Protein backbone atom coordinates (compact mmCIF):
# COMPACT_ATOMS: atom_id res chain seq x y z
CA MET A 1 -36.72 -52.40 -133.25
CA THR A 2 -33.11 -51.58 -131.68
CA TRP A 3 -30.33 -51.03 -133.20
CA HIS A 4 -27.48 -51.26 -131.46
CA TRP A 5 -25.90 -54.09 -132.14
CA LYS A 6 -24.16 -51.80 -135.02
CA GLU A 7 -22.18 -50.63 -131.34
CA LEU A 8 -22.01 -53.43 -129.32
CA LEU A 9 -22.27 -57.49 -129.47
CA PRO A 10 -22.59 -60.12 -127.24
CA VAL A 11 -19.45 -61.54 -127.56
CA ASP A 12 -17.41 -58.27 -127.38
CA ARG A 13 -14.51 -58.01 -124.99
CA PHE A 14 -14.29 -55.49 -122.58
CA THR A 15 -11.96 -54.69 -119.77
CA ILE A 16 -12.64 -52.05 -116.36
CA ARG A 17 -10.31 -49.53 -115.11
CA THR A 18 -10.13 -46.81 -112.62
CA SER A 19 -7.21 -44.31 -111.81
CA LYS A 20 -9.28 -43.01 -108.65
CA TYR A 21 -9.54 -44.76 -105.65
CA VAL A 22 -13.59 -44.80 -105.09
CA THR A 23 -14.45 -44.39 -101.62
CA GLU A 24 -17.53 -45.44 -99.05
CA MET A 25 -17.89 -41.58 -99.16
CA ASP A 26 -18.10 -41.80 -103.17
CA ARG A 27 -20.63 -45.11 -102.73
CA LEU A 28 -22.78 -42.75 -100.57
CA SER A 29 -23.28 -40.30 -103.32
CA LEU A 30 -23.52 -42.52 -105.64
CA THR A 31 -26.73 -43.87 -104.16
CA LEU A 32 -28.28 -41.38 -102.75
CA LEU A 33 -27.14 -38.43 -104.86
CA TYR A 34 -26.73 -40.13 -108.64
CA GLN A 35 -29.61 -42.85 -108.15
CA PRO A 36 -32.34 -40.40 -108.71
CA LEU A 37 -31.34 -39.19 -111.81
CA ILE A 38 -29.63 -42.06 -113.54
CA GLY A 39 -32.49 -44.45 -112.42
CA ALA A 40 -31.64 -48.12 -110.61
CA VAL A 41 -30.57 -49.53 -113.71
CA ALA A 42 -27.66 -47.17 -114.27
CA HIS A 43 -26.62 -47.33 -110.54
CA SER A 44 -26.85 -51.31 -110.62
CA LEU A 45 -24.48 -51.39 -113.80
CA TYR A 46 -21.82 -48.59 -112.32
CA VAL A 47 -21.57 -50.67 -108.83
CA THR A 48 -21.34 -54.21 -111.14
CA PHE A 49 -18.14 -52.62 -113.13
CA LEU A 50 -16.77 -51.49 -109.87
CA SER A 51 -17.09 -55.05 -108.49
CA GLN A 52 -15.00 -56.70 -110.87
CA LEU A 53 -12.06 -55.14 -109.89
CA GLU A 54 -9.98 -56.90 -107.53
CA LYS A 55 -9.61 -55.32 -104.12
CA ASP A 56 -6.80 -52.32 -104.44
CA GLN A 57 -6.59 -53.02 -108.20
CA TYR A 58 -7.26 -50.98 -110.46
CA TRP A 59 -7.84 -52.96 -113.78
CA SER A 60 -10.23 -55.64 -114.65
CA ASN A 61 -9.90 -58.53 -115.67
CA GLU A 62 -10.97 -59.35 -120.03
CA GLN A 63 -14.90 -60.24 -120.71
CA THR A 64 -17.72 -60.52 -122.10
CA HIS A 65 -20.49 -58.81 -122.97
CA ARG A 66 -22.26 -62.08 -122.58
CA GLN A 67 -21.79 -62.47 -119.18
CA LEU A 68 -22.46 -58.92 -118.21
CA MET A 69 -26.21 -59.74 -119.12
CA LEU A 70 -26.29 -62.54 -117.24
CA LEU A 71 -24.42 -60.77 -114.15
CA LEU A 72 -27.56 -58.12 -114.42
CA GLY A 73 -30.05 -60.25 -115.69
CA ALA A 74 -30.73 -57.59 -118.55
CA PRO A 75 -30.87 -57.88 -122.33
CA LEU A 76 -27.92 -56.42 -124.02
CA GLU A 77 -29.79 -53.11 -125.68
CA VAL A 78 -30.60 -51.80 -121.73
CA ILE A 79 -27.22 -51.98 -120.68
CA TYR A 80 -26.42 -50.30 -123.88
CA GLU A 81 -28.29 -47.37 -122.65
CA GLU A 82 -28.32 -47.25 -119.58
CA ARG A 83 -23.79 -47.32 -120.13
CA LYS A 84 -25.03 -43.84 -121.96
CA LYS A 85 -26.63 -42.41 -118.93
CA LEU A 86 -23.59 -43.16 -116.71
CA GLU A 87 -21.33 -41.54 -119.47
CA GLY A 88 -23.69 -37.97 -119.54
CA ILE A 89 -23.54 -37.98 -116.29
CA GLY A 90 -19.69 -38.08 -115.59
CA LEU A 91 -19.60 -41.82 -114.07
CA LEU A 92 -17.75 -43.44 -117.20
CA LYS A 93 -15.42 -43.23 -120.24
CA THR A 94 -15.98 -45.39 -123.31
CA PHE A 95 -13.25 -46.63 -125.67
CA LYS A 96 -13.05 -48.74 -128.06
CA ARG A 97 -10.74 -50.58 -130.22
CA LYS A 98 -10.36 -52.81 -132.99
CA GLU A 99 -8.06 -56.08 -132.58
CA GLU A 100 -6.31 -57.48 -136.40
CA ASP A 101 -8.48 -60.48 -135.89
CA GLY A 102 -11.52 -57.90 -136.27
CA ASP A 103 -12.49 -58.78 -132.59
CA THR A 104 -13.69 -55.75 -130.59
CA ILE A 105 -12.17 -55.20 -127.45
CA TYR A 106 -14.19 -51.78 -124.97
CA LEU A 107 -12.45 -50.28 -122.06
CA TYR A 108 -14.58 -48.90 -119.48
CA GLU A 109 -12.94 -46.03 -117.40
CA LEU A 110 -14.80 -45.90 -114.23
CA GLN A 111 -14.88 -42.21 -112.21
CA PRO A 112 -15.62 -41.75 -108.77
CA PRO A 113 -18.65 -39.72 -107.96
CA MET A 114 -18.41 -36.02 -107.28
CA THR A 115 -18.11 -35.46 -103.35
CA PRO A 116 -21.24 -34.27 -101.93
CA LYS A 117 -19.86 -30.66 -101.60
CA GLN A 118 -19.65 -30.82 -105.55
CA PHE A 119 -22.26 -31.75 -106.37
CA PHE A 120 -24.87 -29.92 -104.55
CA GLU A 121 -22.25 -27.08 -106.45
CA ASN A 122 -23.58 -28.17 -109.47
CA ASP A 123 -25.58 -25.75 -111.85
CA VAL A 124 -26.74 -28.92 -113.36
CA LEU A 125 -27.47 -31.40 -111.35
CA SER A 126 -27.73 -30.17 -107.85
CA VAL A 127 -31.12 -28.32 -109.75
CA TYR A 128 -31.36 -32.05 -111.30
CA LEU A 129 -32.10 -33.57 -108.28
CA PHE A 130 -34.17 -30.69 -106.37
CA ASN A 131 -36.52 -31.17 -109.29
CA ARG A 132 -36.82 -35.35 -108.34
CA LEU A 133 -36.76 -34.86 -104.76
CA GLY A 134 -38.42 -31.69 -104.47
CA LYS A 135 -37.71 -29.51 -101.69
CA THR A 136 -38.10 -31.16 -98.11
CA HIS A 137 -36.53 -34.02 -99.47
CA TYR A 138 -33.99 -32.15 -101.77
CA ARG A 139 -33.09 -29.87 -98.28
CA GLN A 140 -33.17 -33.10 -95.67
CA LEU A 141 -30.77 -34.98 -98.25
CA ARG A 142 -28.18 -31.97 -98.33
CA GLU A 143 -28.61 -31.67 -94.69
CA ARG A 144 -27.54 -35.22 -94.18
CA PHE A 145 -23.65 -33.71 -96.00
CA THR A 146 -23.76 -30.72 -94.02
CA LEU A 147 -21.43 -30.22 -91.03
CA GLU A 148 -21.95 -26.89 -88.37
CA LYS A 149 -19.04 -24.80 -89.13
CA MET A 150 -16.25 -24.41 -86.39
CA GLU A 151 -16.04 -20.96 -85.25
CA HIS A 152 -12.31 -21.19 -86.03
CA GLU A 153 -12.22 -17.47 -83.90
CA GLU A 154 -12.42 -18.93 -80.06
CA TYR A 155 -9.50 -21.40 -80.60
CA THR A 156 -5.67 -20.27 -80.95
CA GLU A 157 -4.35 -22.24 -83.45
CA LEU A 158 -1.34 -24.36 -82.19
CA THR A 159 -0.88 -26.35 -85.60
CA TYR A 160 3.15 -27.19 -85.95
CA ALA A 161 4.13 -26.11 -89.87
CA PHE A 162 6.46 -28.54 -91.74
CA ASP A 163 9.56 -26.54 -91.60
CA GLU A 164 9.19 -26.37 -88.01
CA VAL A 165 8.97 -30.59 -87.85
CA PHE A 166 11.32 -31.63 -90.48
CA ALA A 167 14.75 -30.58 -91.62
CA SER A 168 16.53 -30.02 -94.66
CA LEU A 169 18.24 -31.56 -96.43
CA HIS A 170 21.73 -30.33 -97.55
CA HIS A 171 22.35 -28.97 -100.63
CA SER A 172 25.09 -31.40 -101.62
CA GLU A 173 23.25 -34.73 -100.16
CA MET A 174 19.68 -33.45 -102.61
CA VAL A 175 22.13 -33.25 -105.92
CA SER A 176 23.80 -36.61 -104.78
CA ASN A 177 20.66 -38.09 -104.05
CA LEU A 178 19.53 -37.17 -107.71
CA LYS A 179 22.18 -38.68 -109.12
CA SER A 180 21.81 -42.38 -107.77
CA GLU A 181 19.57 -44.55 -108.06
CA THR A 182 17.33 -42.74 -105.69
CA GLY A 183 17.38 -40.18 -108.03
CA ASN A 184 15.45 -42.61 -110.78
CA ALA A 185 13.12 -44.07 -108.15
CA LEU A 186 11.87 -40.66 -107.91
CA ARG A 187 10.87 -40.28 -111.38
CA VAL A 188 7.63 -41.66 -112.34
CA ASP A 189 7.94 -43.81 -116.02
CA LYS A 190 6.86 -42.23 -118.94
CA ASP A 191 3.95 -44.88 -119.97
CA LYS A 192 2.44 -44.87 -116.26
CA GLU A 193 0.07 -42.15 -114.15
CA LEU A 194 -0.60 -41.93 -110.22
CA ILE A 195 -3.59 -42.57 -108.57
CA SER A 196 -5.56 -38.97 -108.65
CA THR A 197 -8.84 -37.97 -107.23
CA ASP A 198 -9.12 -35.10 -109.31
CA GLU A 199 -13.11 -34.85 -110.31
CA GLU A 200 -13.73 -33.61 -113.63
CA GLU A 201 -16.79 -31.62 -114.25
CA LEU A 202 -20.09 -32.43 -116.55
CA TYR A 203 -19.08 -32.90 -120.07
CA PHE A 204 -20.93 -30.46 -122.24
CA GLN A 205 -20.82 -29.96 -126.57
CA ASN A 206 -22.91 -27.01 -126.22
CA LYS A 207 -23.79 -27.43 -129.96
CA GLN A 208 -27.28 -26.10 -129.73
CA PHE A 209 -26.63 -22.70 -127.94
CA ASP A 210 -25.09 -20.68 -130.45
CA PHE A 211 -22.35 -18.16 -128.88
CA ASP A 212 -21.15 -16.27 -132.04
CA LEU A 213 -24.49 -14.26 -131.86
CA LEU A 214 -24.46 -14.12 -127.95
CA GLU A 215 -21.06 -12.26 -128.17
CA LYS A 216 -22.00 -10.38 -131.43
CA SER A 217 -25.22 -9.23 -129.05
CA LEU A 218 -22.56 -8.45 -126.27
CA SER A 219 -20.16 -6.50 -127.89
CA SER A 220 -22.12 -3.13 -127.95
CA PHE A 221 -22.02 -3.29 -124.14
CA ILE A 222 -18.53 -5.02 -123.51
CA VAL A 223 -15.62 -6.23 -124.81
CA PRO A 224 -16.98 -10.40 -125.11
CA GLN A 225 -13.19 -11.59 -125.32
CA GLU A 226 -12.32 -10.18 -121.67
CA VAL A 227 -15.19 -11.21 -120.02
CA LEU A 228 -16.03 -14.91 -121.76
CA THR A 229 -13.19 -16.76 -120.53
CA LYS A 230 -13.05 -20.02 -121.14
CA ASP A 231 -14.77 -21.30 -117.87
CA VAL A 232 -17.52 -18.38 -118.35
CA LYS A 233 -18.16 -19.51 -121.31
CA ALA A 234 -18.70 -23.69 -120.27
CA LEU A 235 -20.36 -22.25 -116.98
CA ILE A 236 -23.02 -20.54 -119.90
CA GLY A 237 -23.52 -23.08 -121.67
CA ARG A 238 -24.29 -25.65 -118.46
CA LEU A 239 -27.11 -23.24 -117.71
CA ALA A 240 -27.92 -22.59 -121.11
CA PHE A 241 -29.25 -25.87 -121.18
CA VAL A 242 -30.42 -26.96 -117.46
CA TYR A 243 -32.98 -23.35 -117.91
CA ARG A 244 -33.02 -23.17 -121.51
CA ILE A 245 -32.06 -19.63 -122.04
CA GLU A 246 -31.65 -18.60 -125.70
CA PRO A 247 -28.59 -16.44 -126.61
CA LEU A 248 -30.02 -13.07 -126.28
CA GLU A 249 -32.09 -13.51 -123.22
CA MET A 250 -28.92 -14.64 -121.90
CA THR A 251 -27.44 -11.32 -123.06
CA SER A 252 -29.61 -10.07 -120.84
CA ILE A 253 -28.97 -11.40 -117.96
CA ILE A 254 -25.20 -10.86 -118.52
CA GLN A 255 -25.46 -7.46 -118.27
CA GLN A 256 -27.40 -7.24 -115.39
CA ALA A 257 -24.74 -8.91 -113.91
CA LEU A 258 -21.88 -6.76 -115.09
CA LEU A 259 -23.43 -3.76 -114.13
CA HIS A 260 -21.24 -2.93 -111.95
CA ASP A 261 -18.44 -4.28 -112.53
CA ASP A 262 -16.29 -4.83 -115.19
CA LYS A 263 -16.00 -8.78 -114.65
CA LEU A 264 -18.52 -11.50 -114.30
CA ASN A 265 -19.44 -12.68 -110.86
CA VAL A 266 -20.19 -15.87 -111.20
CA MET A 267 -22.48 -16.14 -107.81
CA GLU A 268 -24.29 -13.20 -109.00
CA PHE A 269 -24.92 -14.10 -112.85
CA ARG A 270 -26.22 -17.15 -110.83
CA LYS A 271 -28.44 -15.52 -109.22
CA LYS A 272 -29.58 -13.74 -112.29
CA ILE A 273 -30.32 -16.89 -113.87
CA GLN A 274 -32.53 -17.66 -111.41
CA GLU A 275 -34.12 -14.77 -110.72
CA TRP A 276 -34.91 -14.64 -114.81
CA TYR A 277 -36.22 -18.18 -114.02
CA LYS A 278 -38.85 -17.84 -111.31
CA ILE A 279 -40.00 -14.68 -113.70
CA GLU A 280 -40.60 -16.78 -116.77
CA HIS A 281 -41.88 -20.68 -115.33
CA GLY A 282 -42.74 -19.47 -111.70
CA ASN A 283 -40.92 -21.46 -108.31
CA GLU A 284 -40.92 -25.31 -110.62
CA PRO A 285 -37.23 -26.45 -111.14
CA PRO A 286 -36.58 -27.35 -114.75
CA GLY A 287 -36.69 -31.61 -114.94
CA ILE A 288 -33.98 -32.77 -116.91
CA GLY A 289 -35.07 -34.76 -120.55
CA LEU A 290 -33.27 -35.38 -123.99
CA GLN A 291 -33.48 -32.91 -126.46
CA GLN A 292 -34.19 -34.51 -129.77
CA HIS A 293 -34.71 -38.39 -131.08
CA PRO A 294 -31.47 -40.05 -130.71
CA ALA A 295 -30.08 -40.24 -134.73
CA LYS A 296 -29.31 -43.60 -135.14
CA PHE A 297 -33.12 -44.06 -134.15
CA GLN A 298 -34.13 -41.38 -136.74
CA SER A 299 -35.31 -42.81 -140.01
CA MET A 300 -36.26 -39.56 -142.07
CA LYS A 301 -32.12 -38.52 -140.94
CA GLY A 302 -30.34 -36.74 -143.13
CA LYS A 303 -33.50 -37.29 -146.13
CA GLU A 304 -36.11 -34.10 -147.41
CA PRO A 305 -39.12 -35.67 -146.54
CA VAL A 306 -41.85 -36.88 -149.78
CA THR A 307 -45.16 -37.61 -148.47
CA GLU A 308 -47.40 -36.34 -145.86
CA GLU A 309 -46.33 -38.86 -143.29
CA GLU A 310 -42.72 -38.06 -143.84
CA ARG A 311 -43.32 -34.57 -143.11
CA THR A 312 -44.64 -35.67 -140.06
CA ILE A 313 -41.96 -38.20 -138.58
CA LYS A 314 -39.13 -35.56 -139.44
CA PHE A 315 -41.33 -33.44 -136.86
CA TYR A 316 -41.45 -35.42 -134.83
CA GLU A 317 -37.87 -36.59 -134.82
CA THR A 318 -36.48 -33.55 -135.19
CA THR A 319 -38.76 -31.67 -132.02
CA PRO A 320 -37.60 -31.54 -128.50
CA PRO A 321 -41.17 -32.72 -126.73
CA LEU A 322 -41.44 -29.16 -124.69
CA THR A 323 -41.44 -27.73 -127.87
CA LEU A 324 -44.02 -29.46 -128.97
CA LEU A 325 -46.09 -28.53 -126.37
CA GLU A 326 -45.30 -24.66 -126.84
CA ILE A 327 -46.00 -25.50 -130.36
CA ARG A 328 -49.53 -26.94 -130.35
CA SER A 329 -50.46 -23.84 -127.35
CA ASP A 330 -49.17 -21.25 -129.77
CA GLY A 331 -46.65 -20.42 -127.95
CA ALA A 332 -47.34 -20.56 -124.94
CA LYS A 333 -45.48 -20.97 -121.80
CA VAL A 334 -46.24 -24.78 -120.80
CA ALA A 335 -47.88 -25.47 -117.94
CA ALA A 336 -45.46 -27.06 -114.92
CA ALA A 337 -47.68 -30.18 -114.54
CA ASP A 338 -47.33 -30.40 -117.97
CA MET A 339 -43.58 -30.32 -117.94
CA LYS A 340 -44.04 -33.10 -115.59
CA ILE A 341 -45.82 -35.40 -117.39
CA VAL A 342 -43.03 -34.60 -120.44
CA GLU A 343 -39.72 -35.74 -117.59
CA SER A 344 -42.06 -38.52 -116.61
CA LEU A 345 -42.37 -39.78 -120.02
CA ILE A 346 -38.60 -39.48 -120.51
CA LEU A 347 -37.36 -40.68 -117.12
CA ASP A 348 -40.02 -43.11 -115.44
CA HIS A 349 -40.93 -44.70 -118.87
CA GLN A 350 -37.64 -43.95 -120.26
CA LEU A 351 -39.82 -43.20 -123.48
CA LEU A 352 -37.16 -41.73 -126.48
CA PRO A 353 -38.09 -38.07 -127.20
CA GLY A 354 -39.13 -38.73 -130.34
CA VAL A 355 -42.19 -41.79 -129.16
CA ALA A 356 -42.87 -39.57 -126.06
CA ASN A 357 -43.84 -36.61 -128.90
CA VAL A 358 -46.34 -38.75 -130.48
CA LEU A 359 -47.80 -39.86 -127.40
CA LEU A 360 -47.66 -35.82 -126.24
CA ASP A 361 -49.56 -35.07 -129.74
CA PHE A 362 -51.93 -38.26 -129.92
CA MET A 363 -53.74 -37.64 -126.16
CA LEU A 364 -54.00 -33.48 -127.58
CA TRP A 365 -55.52 -34.14 -130.09
CA SER A 366 -58.20 -37.04 -128.83
CA GLN A 367 -58.72 -35.47 -125.92
CA ASP A 368 -59.82 -32.05 -126.55
CA MET A 369 -56.00 -30.64 -126.06
CA LYS A 370 -55.62 -31.58 -122.29
CA LEU A 371 -53.15 -34.01 -121.05
CA SER A 372 -54.91 -36.78 -118.51
CA LYS A 373 -51.22 -38.02 -116.56
CA ALA A 374 -53.50 -41.17 -115.41
CA LEU A 375 -54.12 -42.21 -119.02
CA ILE A 376 -50.76 -41.05 -120.42
CA ASP A 377 -49.25 -43.11 -118.14
CA LYS A 378 -51.25 -46.02 -118.78
CA ILE A 379 -50.27 -45.75 -122.49
CA ALA A 380 -46.98 -44.99 -121.75
CA GLY A 381 -46.14 -48.26 -119.23
CA HIS A 382 -47.83 -50.19 -122.78
CA TRP A 383 -45.38 -48.90 -125.17
CA ALA A 384 -42.47 -49.16 -123.36
CA ARG A 385 -43.46 -52.48 -122.32
CA LYS A 386 -43.40 -53.39 -126.18
CA LYS A 387 -40.02 -51.40 -126.19
CA VAL A 388 -40.86 -48.58 -129.06
CA GLN A 389 -38.08 -46.79 -129.94
CA THR A 390 -39.33 -45.34 -133.88
CA VAL A 391 -41.13 -42.90 -134.26
CA LYS A 392 -43.44 -44.58 -136.89
CA GLU A 393 -43.88 -47.26 -134.54
CA ALA A 394 -44.92 -44.91 -132.43
CA MET A 395 -47.63 -43.61 -134.74
CA GLN A 396 -48.79 -47.20 -135.58
CA LEU A 397 -49.53 -48.05 -131.93
CA ALA A 398 -51.26 -44.64 -131.83
CA MET A 399 -53.88 -45.68 -134.62
CA GLN A 400 -54.44 -48.33 -133.81
CA GLU A 401 -55.48 -47.11 -129.90
CA GLN A 402 -57.25 -44.65 -131.96
CA ARG A 403 -58.89 -47.70 -133.62
CA LYS A 404 -60.04 -49.00 -130.84
CA THR A 405 -61.38 -45.82 -129.36
CA ASN A 406 -63.87 -45.09 -132.25
CA GLU A 407 -64.83 -48.75 -132.12
CA GLN A 408 -65.56 -48.38 -128.33
CA GLN A 409 -67.54 -45.30 -128.89
CA VAL A 410 -69.75 -47.31 -131.71
CA LYS A 411 -70.57 -49.75 -129.12
CA LYS A 412 -72.00 -46.81 -126.78
CA SER A 413 -73.76 -45.00 -129.38
CA THR A 414 -75.24 -48.75 -130.54
CA ALA A 415 -75.79 -49.65 -126.57
CA PRO A 416 -78.99 -48.09 -125.77
CA TYR A 417 -80.80 -49.82 -128.73
CA SER A 418 -79.82 -52.36 -127.98
CA LYS A 419 -80.95 -52.27 -124.53
CA GLN A 420 -84.36 -50.92 -125.12
CA ALA A 421 -84.94 -54.41 -127.60
CA THR A 422 -83.40 -56.63 -125.07
CA ARG A 423 -85.54 -54.79 -122.47
CA ARG A 424 -88.72 -55.75 -124.72
CA LYS A 425 -88.01 -59.10 -125.42
CA GLN A 426 -87.44 -59.47 -121.93
CA GLN A 427 -90.72 -57.72 -120.25
CA PRO A 428 -92.35 -60.80 -119.75
CA LYS A 429 -89.54 -62.35 -117.88
CA ARG A 430 -89.08 -59.82 -115.77
CA ASP A 431 -92.96 -58.74 -114.98
CA LYS A 432 -93.82 -62.17 -114.13
CA LEU A 433 -94.74 -62.19 -110.73
CA PRO A 434 -95.60 -64.78 -107.89
CA LYS A 435 -98.86 -66.76 -108.33
CA TRP A 436 -100.89 -65.46 -105.38
CA LEU A 437 -100.17 -61.79 -106.62
CA LEU A 438 -101.23 -63.10 -109.96
CA ALA A 439 -104.22 -63.82 -107.66
CA GLU A 440 -104.82 -60.68 -105.65
CA LYS A 441 -104.08 -58.86 -109.13
CA GLU A 442 -107.30 -60.46 -110.97
CA LYS A 443 -109.63 -59.72 -107.88
CA GLU A 444 -108.10 -55.93 -108.61
CA ASN A 445 -109.47 -56.11 -112.53
CA LYS A 446 -112.43 -57.77 -111.33
CA ALA A 447 -113.94 -55.33 -109.30
CA PRO A 448 -113.98 -52.35 -111.33
CA GLU A 449 -115.68 -54.67 -114.63
CA ALA A 450 -118.25 -55.54 -111.68
CA THR A 451 -118.56 -52.25 -110.64
CA ASN A 452 -118.75 -51.02 -114.39
CA GLN A 453 -121.44 -53.35 -114.78
CA VAL A 454 -123.74 -52.15 -112.13
CA GLU A 455 -123.88 -48.62 -113.75
CA MET A 456 -124.59 -50.57 -117.21
CA LYS A 457 -127.67 -51.99 -115.69
CA LYS A 458 -128.61 -48.76 -114.32
CA ASP A 459 -128.35 -47.07 -118.13
CA GLN A 460 -129.90 -49.97 -120.05
CA VAL A 461 -132.54 -51.86 -119.13
CA PRO A 462 -132.35 -54.97 -120.26
CA VAL A 463 -135.41 -56.78 -122.22
CA GLY A 464 -137.94 -58.55 -120.19
CA GLU A 465 -137.02 -56.16 -117.17
CA LYS A 466 -138.82 -53.92 -114.86
CA SER A 467 -137.59 -50.33 -115.25
CA PHE A 468 -136.67 -49.14 -111.68
CA GLU A 469 -139.74 -46.20 -112.16
CA GLN A 470 -141.68 -48.98 -112.62
CA MET A 471 -140.74 -50.58 -109.21
CA LEU A 472 -141.44 -46.83 -107.33
CA GLU A 473 -144.22 -46.93 -109.22
CA GLU A 474 -145.57 -50.33 -108.13
CA ARG A 475 -144.46 -49.98 -104.45
CA ARG A 476 -146.61 -46.56 -104.50
CA ARG A 477 -149.16 -48.92 -105.04
CA ASN A 478 -148.97 -51.53 -102.64
CA LYS A 479 -148.55 -48.66 -99.92
CA ALA A 480 -152.40 -46.86 -100.80
CA LYS A 481 -153.86 -50.56 -100.95
CA ARG A 482 -152.80 -50.83 -97.85
CA GLY A 483 -153.86 -47.49 -96.07
CA GLU A 484 -157.24 -47.94 -97.38
CA ALA A 485 -157.41 -51.46 -96.21
């Protein structure tokens, strides 16, 4: 069950705008750097938006979302979810306006991708790209956007300066020009803006990181206001999000970075963060993933659970998947392989965090606390095709899977008895032999019977027949008579 229709309808109109020209290098960055993070569908949505802008134009004609559905060949709920990815990664800004007649018009403002330099120096995106591509492919890709440094010291610069080439206007000429129509032409209208190529950082709300606790814990060591500038706090928020660092742990790292300086050295701070992560989690880079189940899909949002089922649903909806695994491990560190499984559920199968929680918990309890990636992928693919988006739906499917498993186990447990019974019934048919072999078998069976009969004759003398001793005695008498004769 999806509720995208509360936010977006096929009849809603939209226009596309950009104030920053998208170059061929931007398109290359979009495909090679952004696509591994946002997926092919979100990439296609951005390119589709871009194609609606005519050459050298920065506004598109008005369209409906139904036309967009036809262009992409995707339902509106998919477009809505992929649009959020573009917004979250900084490629799109969305605005909404209500008309007097009740119609809704959306404005989609395209943002150009970061330059390769900005992307690879970004604390968030570079780490996630490394996680997605692996060390070798990541380095190969970065090498593609790298130039050999030029040794300027070996050359003598001959470049002319501006004032060496151009002459300045006389003061009286400048004043007269500014007062004339030329001066008016130089001014930009208040309701217009010039095309810009300035890049913006990723937007973070940092709601989950407790900056108050950070400042209080730092107050005994430094003066927080002097160190925690706006830019530094933004950096701390990004790094805390990527590396999952709590405020008290962050305090310790900041203190280490400030040991020999009164100001926070950004490069040294990043280095300390990475060293901390390697000690805590090994060399496996952190993966991207949603934190909690989206609020609009939470059935228990703002409600107090009463029944056991409601408490379970509330737990799944408000717990990040990695935290769930930590809880099930009694606080132990989540293994790198298990982190990969969680990332695959969120990114590859596009399951929402609450749904992923149900699947992970179901697998842990049914598989003796083991996570089998092959089995998880099979079930996750099934749930993704069924478009499961609420925890309750996921729990119902998990119960169905458990019933199937129980039925299969019952069949397996009863199978040996049924097979034995079948074997007994079919024994004559399976042992049926050819006639020639049956004849041989009969001869073999008769031979022991004849032997037994001879032995019986030795022991038992039938009435009317001579015994073996009598026959010997007659023979001796006959010999004696022949001797006498």
